[in-house]
Amino acid sequence: MTSTLNENIKDIVKNTNFQHVAIIMDGNRRWAKKRLLPSAAGHKKGVEALRSTLKACAKFGIKYLTVYAFSTENWNRDKEEVEFLMSLLAKTIVNEVPEFIENDIKLTFIGDRKTLSKDIIEVLEFGEKETAHCKTLNLQIAFNYGARMEITNAFKALAEKVKNGKLELNEINEDLISQNLYTSNIPDPDLLIRTGGEQRISNYLLWQCAYSEIYITDIFWPEFDENALADAVLEFNSRQRRFGK
C-alpha cells in the first residue's frame, strides 16, 4: 500500500467521523482445510491477522475495533477444538498485553462470563485491568457472545428496575436500552465486515449494527490485512448513509 493511499484512508476516517469497525472473523477452518492443515493452524494464523488489523486501525486513525472471536453457539463445536480455542485465547492475551500497552490499545471483552471457567475469567480480567489506561485504540473482543442473549439480558435488567419501582415503563427508550448493552460506552459500528464470503450476521451486534454499512469479502480471515481493511473503508466511503431519511 502506498503512503498516498494511507493518507486517503486517514482523510476518510477523519472527515466522515468514521470511528468503529466491527468484524466477523470467519474462515479460519476453511483456510486451513484448503491447505490440508488442521483447524488449529487456521486459528493461529487468525491471531496474526488480528495483529495486522490492529496495526492498520491505528495507522488509519480508527478508534474502535470489535471482533467476533467466540459465539455462544460455538460451544457446539468439537470438544477438542473448543479446548484449543480457550487455550489459544489465554496464551494470546498473556503474550499480547505488553504490546497492547506499548501501542496504547485498551482491551475489553464483551459477552457472558458466567459460564466460563475461573481460569479464563481471570485471563480476561487481567487483559482488561492491565490495559485500562490505554486510549489510542479500543479493542473489544466478543467472547462467548450472542446478540439475542445480550438484548434479552438488557430487557431483563430494565424490567427488574421497573418491578422495583426504580424506573417507569414509559422511561424506557432506545438510548436506555443501548446503555444496558455490553457496548454501552462505545459508538455503534460504522462498518461491519464479514470475511470468508458468507452473507449473514450470525447473531452479532444485532442492535448496534442497525445502520452499519455491511461489507462482505471472500478473503478468509487468516489472509485479512491492512490492504483488505483499506479496501473495505474505501468501499464504505463510496456509499451514502441515509439512516432511513
C-alpha atoms as a PDB file:
ATOM      1  CA  MET A   1       0.000   0.000   0.000  1.00  0.00           C
ATOM      2  CA  THR A   2       1.343   3.371  -0.926  1.00  0.00           C
ATOM      3  CA  SER A   3       1.729   6.233   1.525  1.00  0.00           C
ATOM      4  CA  THR A   4      -0.737   8.214  -0.603  1.00  0.00           C
ATOM      5  CA  LEU A   5      -3.414   5.577  -0.092  1.00  0.00           C
ATOM      6  CA  ASN A   6      -2.679   5.562   3.642  1.00  0.00           C
ATOM      7  CA  GLU A   7      -3.302   9.312   3.750  1.00  0.00           C
ATOM      8  CA  ASN A   8      -6.529   8.887   1.770  1.00  0.00           C
ATOM      9  CA  ILE A   9      -7.807   6.384   4.319  1.00  0.00           C
ATOM     10  CA  LYS A  10      -6.848   8.731   7.159  1.00  0.00           C
ATOM     11  CA  ASP A  11      -8.778  11.547   5.485  1.00  0.00           C
ATOM     12  CA  ILE A  12     -11.859   9.328   5.107  1.00  0.00           C
ATOM     13  CA  VAL A  13     -11.744   8.395   8.779  1.00  0.00           C
ATOM     14  CA  LYS A  14     -11.211  11.995   9.857  1.00  0.00           C
ATOM     15  CA  ASN A  15     -13.689  13.717   7.541  1.00  0.00           C
ATOM     16  CA  THR A  16     -16.584  11.259   7.885  1.00  0.00           C
ATOM     17  CA  ASN A  17     -16.290  10.811  11.664  1.00  0.00           C
ATOM     18  CA  PHE A  18     -15.595   7.138  10.966  1.00  0.00           C
ATOM     19  CA  GLN A  19     -14.847   5.589  14.356  1.00  0.00           C
ATOM     20  CA  HIS A  20     -15.847   1.979  14.689  1.00  0.00           C
ATOM     21  CA  VAL A  21     -15.245  -1.180  12.654  1.00  0.00           C
ATOM     22  CA  ALA A  22     -16.844  -4.476  13.664  1.00  0.00           C
ATOM     23  CA  ILE A  23     -15.576  -7.704  12.116  1.00  0.00           C
ATOM     24  CA  ILE A  24     -16.932 -11.241  11.895  1.00  0.00           C
ATOM     25  CA  MET A  25     -13.628 -13.116  11.654  1.00  0.00           C
ATOM     26  CA  ASP A  26     -14.769 -16.047   9.525  1.00  0.00           C
ATOM     27  CA  GLY A  27     -12.822 -18.583   7.516  1.00  0.00           C
ATOM     28  CA  ASN A  28     -10.070 -19.888   9.795  1.00  0.00           C
ATOM     29  CA  ARG A  29     -11.080 -23.515   9.381  1.00  0.00           C
ATOM     30  CA  ARG A  30     -11.708 -23.240   5.629  1.00  0.00           C
ATOM     31  CA  TRP A  31      -8.335 -21.530   5.187  1.00  0.00           C
ATOM     32  CA  ALA A  32      -6.676 -24.461   6.972  1.00  0.00           C
ATOM     33  CA  LYS A  33      -8.681 -27.116   5.126  1.00  0.00           C
ATOM     34  CA  LYS A  34      -7.751 -25.590   1.775  1.00  0.00           C
ATOM     35  CA  ARG A  35      -4.097 -26.092   2.742  1.00  0.00           C
ATOM     36  CA  LEU A  36      -4.642 -29.596   4.182  1.00  0.00           C
ATOM     37  CA  LEU A  37      -3.839 -28.292   7.661  1.00  0.00           C
ATOM     38  CA  PRO A  38      -5.631 -28.871  10.967  1.00  0.00           C
ATOM     39  CA  SER A  39      -8.131 -26.226  12.038  1.00  0.00           C
ATOM     40  CA  ALA A  40      -5.745 -25.184  14.819  1.00  0.00           C
ATOM     41  CA  ALA A  41      -3.367 -23.840  12.172  1.00  0.00           C
ATOM     42  CA  GLY A  42      -6.108 -21.593  10.829  1.00  0.00           C
ATOM     43  CA  HIS A  43      -6.930 -20.254  14.273  1.00  0.00           C
ATOM     44  CA  LYS A  44      -3.264 -19.498  14.964  1.00  0.00           C
ATOM     45  CA  LYS A  45      -2.958 -17.712  11.648  1.00  0.00           C
ATOM     46  CA  GLY A  46      -6.103 -15.788  12.548  1.00  0.00           C
ATOM     47  CA  VAL A  47      -4.293 -14.305  15.554  1.00  0.00           C
ATOM     48  CA  GLU A  48      -1.668 -12.910  13.172  1.00  0.00           C
ATOM     49  CA  ALA A  49      -4.439 -11.363  11.064  1.00  0.00           C
ATOM     50  CA  LEU A  50      -5.818  -9.641  14.148  1.00  0.00           C
ATOM     51  CA  ARG A  51      -2.381  -8.169  14.874  1.00  0.00           C
ATOM     52  CA  SER A  52      -2.194  -6.812  11.320  1.00  0.00           C
ATOM     53  CA  THR A  53      -5.686  -5.365  11.555  1.00  0.00           C
ATOM     54  CA  LEU A  54      -4.932  -3.643  14.853  1.00  0.00           C
ATOM     55  CA  LYS A  55      -1.857  -2.011  13.334  1.00  0.00           C
ATOM     56  CA  ALA A  56      -3.900  -0.909  10.319  1.00  0.00           C
ATOM     57  CA  CYS A  57      -6.628   0.583  12.522  1.00  0.00           C
ATOM     58  CA  ALA A  58      -4.005   2.571  14.435  1.00  0.00           C
ATOM     59  CA  LYS A  59      -2.406   3.733  11.179  1.00  0.00           C
ATOM     60  CA  PHE A  60      -5.752   4.844   9.730  1.00  0.00           C
ATOM     61  CA  GLY A  61      -6.947   6.554  12.923  1.00  0.00           C
ATOM     62  CA  ILE A  62      -9.818   4.153  13.581  1.00  0.00           C
ATOM     63  CA  LYS A  63     -10.586   4.362  17.297  1.00  0.00           C
ATOM     64  CA  TYR A  64     -12.756   1.267  17.883  1.00  0.00           C
ATOM     65  CA  LEU A  65     -12.411  -2.298  16.631  1.00  0.00           C
ATOM     66  CA  THR A  66     -14.808  -5.021  17.734  1.00  0.00           C
ATOM     67  CA  VAL A  67     -14.155  -8.609  16.642  1.00  0.00           C
ATOM     68  CA  TYR A  68     -16.280 -11.744  16.941  1.00  0.00           C
ATOM     69  CA  ALA A  69     -13.978 -14.352  18.466  1.00  0.00           C
ATOM     70  CA  PHE A  70     -16.293 -16.960  20.019  1.00  0.00           C
ATOM     71  CA  SER A  71     -20.079 -17.099  19.920  1.00  0.00           C
ATOM     72  CA  THR A  72     -22.492 -18.735  22.345  1.00  0.00           C
ATOM     73  CA  GLU A  73     -23.194 -21.248  19.565  1.00  0.00           C
ATOM     74  CA  ASN A  74     -19.520 -22.185  19.166  1.00  0.00           C
ATOM     75  CA  TRP A  75     -19.747 -24.442  22.226  1.00  0.00           C
ATOM     76  CA  ASN A  76     -21.410 -26.939  19.871  1.00  0.00           C
ATOM     77  CA  ARG A  77     -18.136 -27.454  18.012  1.00  0.00           C
ATOM     78  CA  ASP A  78     -15.868 -30.431  18.577  1.00  0.00           C
ATOM     79  CA  LYS A  79     -14.694 -30.517  22.204  1.00  0.00           C
ATOM     80  CA  GLU A  80     -11.041 -30.673  21.199  1.00  0.00           C
ATOM     81  CA  GLU A  81     -11.376 -27.557  19.032  1.00  0.00           C
ATOM     82  CA  VAL A  82     -13.190 -25.652  21.793  1.00  0.00           C
ATOM     83  CA  GLU A  83     -10.480 -26.533  24.303  1.00  0.00           C
ATOM     84  CA  PHE A  84      -7.817 -25.399  21.829  1.00  0.00           C
ATOM     85  CA  LEU A  85      -9.609 -22.071  21.299  1.00  0.00           C
ATOM     86  CA  MET A  86      -9.776 -21.489  25.057  1.00  0.00           C
ATOM     87  CA  SER A  87      -6.062 -22.227  25.380  1.00  0.00           C
ATOM     88  CA  LEU A  88      -5.208 -20.048  22.373  1.00  0.00           C
ATOM     89  CA  LEU A  89      -7.181 -17.130  23.822  1.00  0.00           C
ATOM     90  CA  ALA A  90      -5.420 -17.376  27.185  1.00  0.00           C
ATOM     91  CA  LYS A  91      -1.947 -17.587  25.646  1.00  0.00           C
ATOM     92  CA  THR A  92      -2.631 -14.788  23.191  1.00  0.00           C
ATOM     93  CA  ILE A  93      -3.890 -12.362  25.835  1.00  0.00           C
ATOM     94  CA  VAL A  94      -0.961 -13.001  28.171  1.00  0.00           C
ATOM     95  CA  ASN A  95       1.549 -12.686  25.323  1.00  0.00           C
ATOM     96  CA  GLU A  96      -0.005  -9.640  23.660  1.00  0.00           C
ATOM     97  CA  VAL A  97      -0.766  -7.445  26.685  1.00  0.00           C
ATOM     98  CA  PRO A  98       2.731  -5.867  26.784  1.00  0.00           C
ATOM     99  CA  GLU A  99       2.411  -4.899  23.117  1.00  0.00           C
ATOM    100  CA  PHE A 100      -1.119  -3.592  23.707  1.00  0.00           C
ATOM    101  CA  ILE A 101       0.233  -1.336  26.437  1.00  0.00           C
ATOM    102  CA  GLU A 102       3.149  -0.205  24.263  1.00  0.00           C
ATOM    103  CA  ASN A 103       0.743   0.694  21.431  1.00  0.00           C
ATOM    104  CA  ASP A 104      -1.853   2.246  23.771  1.00  0.00           C
ATOM    105  CA  ILE A 105      -4.585  -0.338  22.982  1.00  0.00           C
ATOM    106  CA  LYS A 106      -7.364  -0.770  25.512  1.00  0.00           C
ATOM    107  CA  LEU A 107      -8.751  -4.308  25.668  1.00  0.00           C
ATOM    108  CA  THR A 108     -12.343  -5.108  26.634  1.00  0.00           C
ATOM    109  CA  PHE A 109     -14.260  -8.373  26.445  1.00  0.00           C
ATOM    110  CA  ILE A 110     -17.984  -8.397  25.714  1.00  0.00           C
ATOM    111  CA  GLY A 111     -20.121 -11.456  26.291  1.00  0.00           C
ATOM    112  CA  ASP A 112     -21.423 -13.707  29.054  1.00  0.00           C
ATOM    113  CA  ARG A 113     -18.762 -14.633  31.595  1.00  0.00           C
ATOM    114  CA  LYS A 114     -20.993 -16.599  33.965  1.00  0.00           C
ATOM    115  CA  THR A 115     -20.493 -19.879  32.111  1.00  0.00           C
ATOM    116  CA  LEU A 116     -16.734 -19.507  31.581  1.00  0.00           C
ATOM    117  CA  SER A 117     -14.125 -21.278  33.675  1.00  0.00           C
ATOM    118  CA  LYS A 118     -12.433 -19.415  36.509  1.00  0.00           C
ATOM    119  CA  ASP A 119      -9.077 -19.566  34.704  1.00  0.00           C
ATOM    120  CA  ILE A 120     -10.485 -17.961  31.548  1.00  0.00           C
ATOM    121  CA  ILE A 121     -12.277 -15.247  33.519  1.00  0.00           C
ATOM    122  CA  GLU A 122      -9.012 -14.406  35.290  1.00  0.00           C
ATOM    123  CA  VAL A 123      -7.257 -14.028  31.918  1.00  0.00           C
ATOM    124  CA  LEU A 124      -9.992 -11.744  30.597  1.00  0.00           C
ATOM    125  CA  GLU A 125      -9.854  -9.597  33.704  1.00  0.00           C
ATOM    126  CA  PHE A 126      -6.049  -9.485  33.555  1.00  0.00           C
ATOM    127  CA  GLY A 127      -6.129  -8.167  29.989  1.00  0.00           C
ATOM    128  CA  GLU A 128      -8.722  -5.534  30.831  1.00  0.00           C
ATOM    129  CA  LYS A 129      -7.029  -4.371  34.032  1.00  0.00           C
ATOM    130  CA  GLU A 130      -3.555  -4.086  32.505  1.00  0.00           C
ATOM    131  CA  THR A 131      -4.761  -2.020  29.524  1.00  0.00           C
ATOM    132  CA  ALA A 132      -7.488   0.032  31.238  1.00  0.00           C
ATOM    133  CA  HIS A 133      -5.417   3.226  30.991  1.00  0.00           C
ATOM    134  CA  CYS A 134      -4.836   2.961  27.219  1.00  0.00           C
ATOM    135  CA  LYS A 135      -6.683   5.397  24.942  1.00  0.00           C
ATOM    136  CA  THR A 136      -5.488   5.388  21.317  1.00  0.00           C
ATOM    137  CA  LEU A 137      -7.347   2.288  20.127  1.00  0.00           C
ATOM    138  CA  ASN A 138     -10.171   0.385  21.802  1.00  0.00           C
ATOM    139  CA  LEU A 139     -10.315  -3.343  21.041  1.00  0.00           C
ATOM    140  CA  GLN A 140     -13.496  -5.148  22.008  1.00  0.00           C
ATOM    141  CA  ILE A 141     -13.375  -8.936  21.733  1.00  0.00           C
ATOM    142  CA  ALA A 142     -16.786 -10.602  21.612  1.00  0.00           C
ATOM    143  CA  PHE A 143     -16.213 -13.829  23.505  1.00  0.00           C
ATOM    144  CA  ASN A 144     -18.997 -16.215  24.494  1.00  0.00           C
ATOM    145  CA  TYR A 145     -21.178 -13.598  22.852  1.00  0.00           C
ATOM    146  CA  GLY A 146     -24.652 -13.763  21.344  1.00  0.00           C
ATOM    147  CA  ALA A 147     -26.636 -10.663  20.395  1.00  0.00           C
ATOM    148  CA  ARG A 148     -30.050 -12.116  21.229  1.00  0.00           C
ATOM    149  CA  MET A 149     -28.792 -13.079  24.676  1.00  0.00           C
ATOM    150  CA  GLU A 150     -27.299  -9.594  25.105  1.00  0.00           C
ATOM    151  CA  ILE A 151     -30.587  -7.882  24.221  1.00  0.00           C
ATOM    152  CA  THR A 152     -32.590 -10.297  26.390  1.00  0.00           C
ATOM    153  CA  ASN A 153     -30.364  -9.556  29.379  1.00  0.00           C
ATOM    154  CA  ALA A 154     -30.758  -5.807  28.785  1.00  0.00           C
ATOM    155  CA  PHE A 155     -34.549  -6.129  28.770  1.00  0.00           C
ATOM    156  CA  LYS A 156     -34.440  -8.230  31.945  1.00  0.00           C
ATOM    157  CA  ALA A 157     -32.310  -5.603  33.690  1.00  0.00           C
ATOM    158  CA  LEU A 158     -34.762  -2.861  32.726  1.00  0.00           C
ATOM    159  CA  ALA A 159     -37.759  -4.999  33.700  1.00  0.00           C
ATOM    160  CA  GLU A 160     -36.214  -5.586  37.114  1.00  0.00           C
ATOM    161  CA  LYS A 161     -35.864  -1.824  37.626  1.00  0.00           C
ATOM    162  CA  VAL A 162     -39.500  -1.295  36.649  1.00  0.00           C
ATOM    163  CA  LYS A 163     -40.553  -4.075  39.019  1.00  0.00           C
ATOM    164  CA  ASN A 164     -38.609  -2.485  41.892  1.00  0.00           C
ATOM    165  CA  GLY A 165     -40.014   0.965  41.200  1.00  0.00           C
ATOM    166  CA  LYS A 166     -36.670   2.398  40.098  1.00  0.00           C
ATOM    167  CA  LEU A 167     -37.838   3.019  36.551  1.00  0.00           C
ATOM    168  CA  GLU A 168     -41.116   3.975  34.894  1.00  0.00           C
ATOM    169  CA  LEU A 169     -42.200   1.896  31.920  1.00  0.00           C
ATOM    170  CA  ASN A 170     -42.587   4.979  29.719  1.00  0.00           C
ATOM    171  CA  GLU A 171     -38.981   5.967  30.502  1.00  0.00           C
ATOM    172  CA  ILE A 172     -37.642   3.022  28.500  1.00  0.00           C
ATOM    173  CA  ASN A 173     -36.368   4.191  25.119  1.00  0.00           C
ATOM    174  CA  GLU A 174     -33.680   3.247  22.596  1.00  0.00           C
ATOM    175  CA  ASP A 175     -30.953   5.152  24.424  1.00  0.00           C
ATOM    176  CA  LEU A 176     -31.738   3.406  27.698  1.00  0.00           C
ATOM    177  CA  ILE A 177     -31.670   0.003  26.037  1.00  0.00           C
ATOM    178  CA  SER A 178     -28.314   0.849  24.443  1.00  0.00           C
ATOM    179  CA  GLN A 179     -26.958   1.832  27.850  1.00  0.00           C
ATOM    180  CA  ASN A 180     -27.728  -1.668  29.123  1.00  0.00           C
ATOM    181  CA  LEU A 181     -25.819  -3.484  26.390  1.00  0.00           C
ATOM    182  CA  TYR A 182     -22.210  -4.662  26.592  1.00  0.00           C
ATOM    183  CA  THR A 183     -21.210  -1.821  24.263  1.00  0.00           C
ATOM    184  CA  SER A 184     -22.795   0.957  26.301  1.00  0.00           C
ATOM    185  CA  ASN A 185     -19.661   3.107  26.353  1.00  0.00           C
ATOM    186  CA  ILE A 186     -18.734   2.980  22.668  1.00  0.00           C
ATOM    187  CA  PRO A 187     -20.361   4.254  19.455  1.00  0.00           C
ATOM    188  CA  ASP A 188     -22.265   1.888  17.170  1.00  0.00           C
ATOM    189  CA  PRO A 189     -20.213   0.375  14.333  1.00  0.00           C
ATOM    190  CA  ASP A 190     -19.950   2.448  11.190  1.00  0.00           C
ATOM    191  CA  LEU A 191     -18.832  -0.569   9.203  1.00  0.00           C
ATOM    192  CA  LEU A 192     -19.483  -4.295   9.685  1.00  0.00           C
ATOM    193  CA  ILE A 193     -17.026  -6.528   7.822  1.00  0.00           C
ATOM    194  CA  ARG A 194     -17.506 -10.251   7.331  1.00  0.00           C
ATOM    195  CA  THR A 195     -14.639 -12.284   5.934  1.00  0.00           C
ATOM    196  CA  GLY A 196     -14.960 -15.686   4.273  1.00  0.00           C
ATOM    197  CA  GLY A 197     -17.770 -14.806   1.889  1.00  0.00           C
ATOM    198  CA  GLU A 198     -20.784 -15.899   3.950  1.00  0.00           C
ATOM    199  CA  GLN A 199     -23.664 -13.418   3.804  1.00  0.00           C
ATOM    200  CA  ARG A 200     -25.198 -13.465   7.253  1.00  0.00           C
ATOM    201  CA  ILE A 201     -24.814 -11.569  10.536  1.00  0.00           C
ATOM    202  CA  SER A 202     -24.644 -14.675  12.758  1.00  0.00           C
ATOM    203  CA  ASN A 203     -26.231 -13.172  15.873  1.00  0.00           C
ATOM    204  CA  TYR A 204     -23.601 -10.445  16.101  1.00  0.00           C
ATOM    205  CA  LEU A 205     -24.274  -6.907  17.377  1.00  0.00           C
ATOM    206  CA  LEU A 206     -27.864  -7.018  16.095  1.00  0.00           C
ATOM    207  CA  TRP A 207     -28.918  -3.861  17.938  1.00  0.00           C
ATOM    208  CA  GLN A 208     -25.705  -1.930  17.385  1.00  0.00           C
ATOM    209  CA  CYS A 209     -25.491  -2.650  13.638  1.00  0.00           C
ATOM    210  CA  ALA A 210     -28.971  -1.348  12.814  1.00  0.00           C
ATOM    211  CA  TYR A 211     -27.474   1.272  10.470  1.00  0.00           C
ATOM    212  CA  SER A 212     -23.971  -0.063   9.921  1.00  0.00           C
ATOM    213  CA  GLU A 213     -22.719  -0.434   6.371  1.00  0.00           C
ATOM    214  CA  ILE A 214     -22.094  -4.125   5.631  1.00  0.00           C
ATOM    215  CA  TYR A 215     -19.060  -5.271   3.646  1.00  0.00           C
ATOM    216  CA  ILE A 216     -18.604  -8.925   2.658  1.00  0.00           C
ATOM    217  CA  THR A 217     -15.255 -10.171   1.390  1.00  0.00           C
ATOM    218  CA  ASP A 218     -14.332 -13.645   0.128  1.00  0.00           C
ATOM    219  CA  ILE A 219     -10.943 -13.299   1.830  1.00  0.00           C
ATOM    220  CA  PHE A 220     -10.596 -15.817   4.649  1.00  0.00           C
ATOM    221  CA  TRP A 221      -9.803 -14.190   7.987  1.00  0.00           C
ATOM    222  CA  PRO A 222      -6.191 -15.505   8.205  1.00  0.00           C
ATOM    223  CA  GLU A 223      -5.450 -13.578   4.992  1.00  0.00           C
ATOM    224  CA  PHE A 224      -7.064 -10.303   6.091  1.00  0.00           C
ATOM    225  CA  ASP A 225      -4.555  -7.459   6.347  1.00  0.00           C
ATOM    226  CA  GLU A 226      -4.036  -3.713   6.015  1.00  0.00           C
ATOM    227  CA  ASN A 227      -4.833  -3.739   2.298  1.00  0.00           C
ATOM    228  CA  ALA A 228      -8.069  -5.635   2.897  1.00  0.00           C
ATOM    229  CA  LEU A 229      -9.137  -3.165   5.566  1.00  0.00           C
ATOM    230  CA  ALA A 230      -8.295  -0.260   3.273  1.00  0.00           C
ATOM    231  CA  ASP A 231     -10.488  -1.771   0.542  1.00  0.00           C
ATOM    232  CA  ALA A 232     -13.370  -2.034   2.993  1.00  0.00           C
ATOM    233  CA  VAL A 233     -13.014   1.581   4.154  1.00  0.00           C
ATOM    234  CA  LEU A 234     -12.799   2.820   0.570  1.00  0.00           C
ATOM    235  CA  GLU A 235     -15.974   0.907  -0.269  1.00  0.00           C
ATOM    236  CA  PHE A 236     -17.623   2.428   2.802  1.00  0.00           C
ATOM    237  CA  ASN A 237     -16.678   5.883   1.584  1.00  0.00           C
ATOM    238  CA  SER A 238     -18.376   5.273  -1.773  1.00  0.00           C
ATOM    239  CA  ARG A 239     -21.755   4.711  -0.144  1.00  0.00           C
ATOM    240  CA  GLN A 240     -24.383   7.198   1.010  1.00  0.00           C
ATOM    241  CA  ARG A 241     -25.559   6.694   4.591  1.00  0.00           C
ATOM    242  CA  ARG A 242     -29.140   7.912   4.830  1.00  0.00           C
ATOM    243  CA  PHE A 243     -30.184   6.419   8.188  1.00  0.00           C
ATOM    244  CA  GLY A 244     -33.689   5.959   6.813  1.00  0.00           C
ATOM    245  CA  LYS A 245     -34.020   9.589   5.670  1.00  0.00           C
END
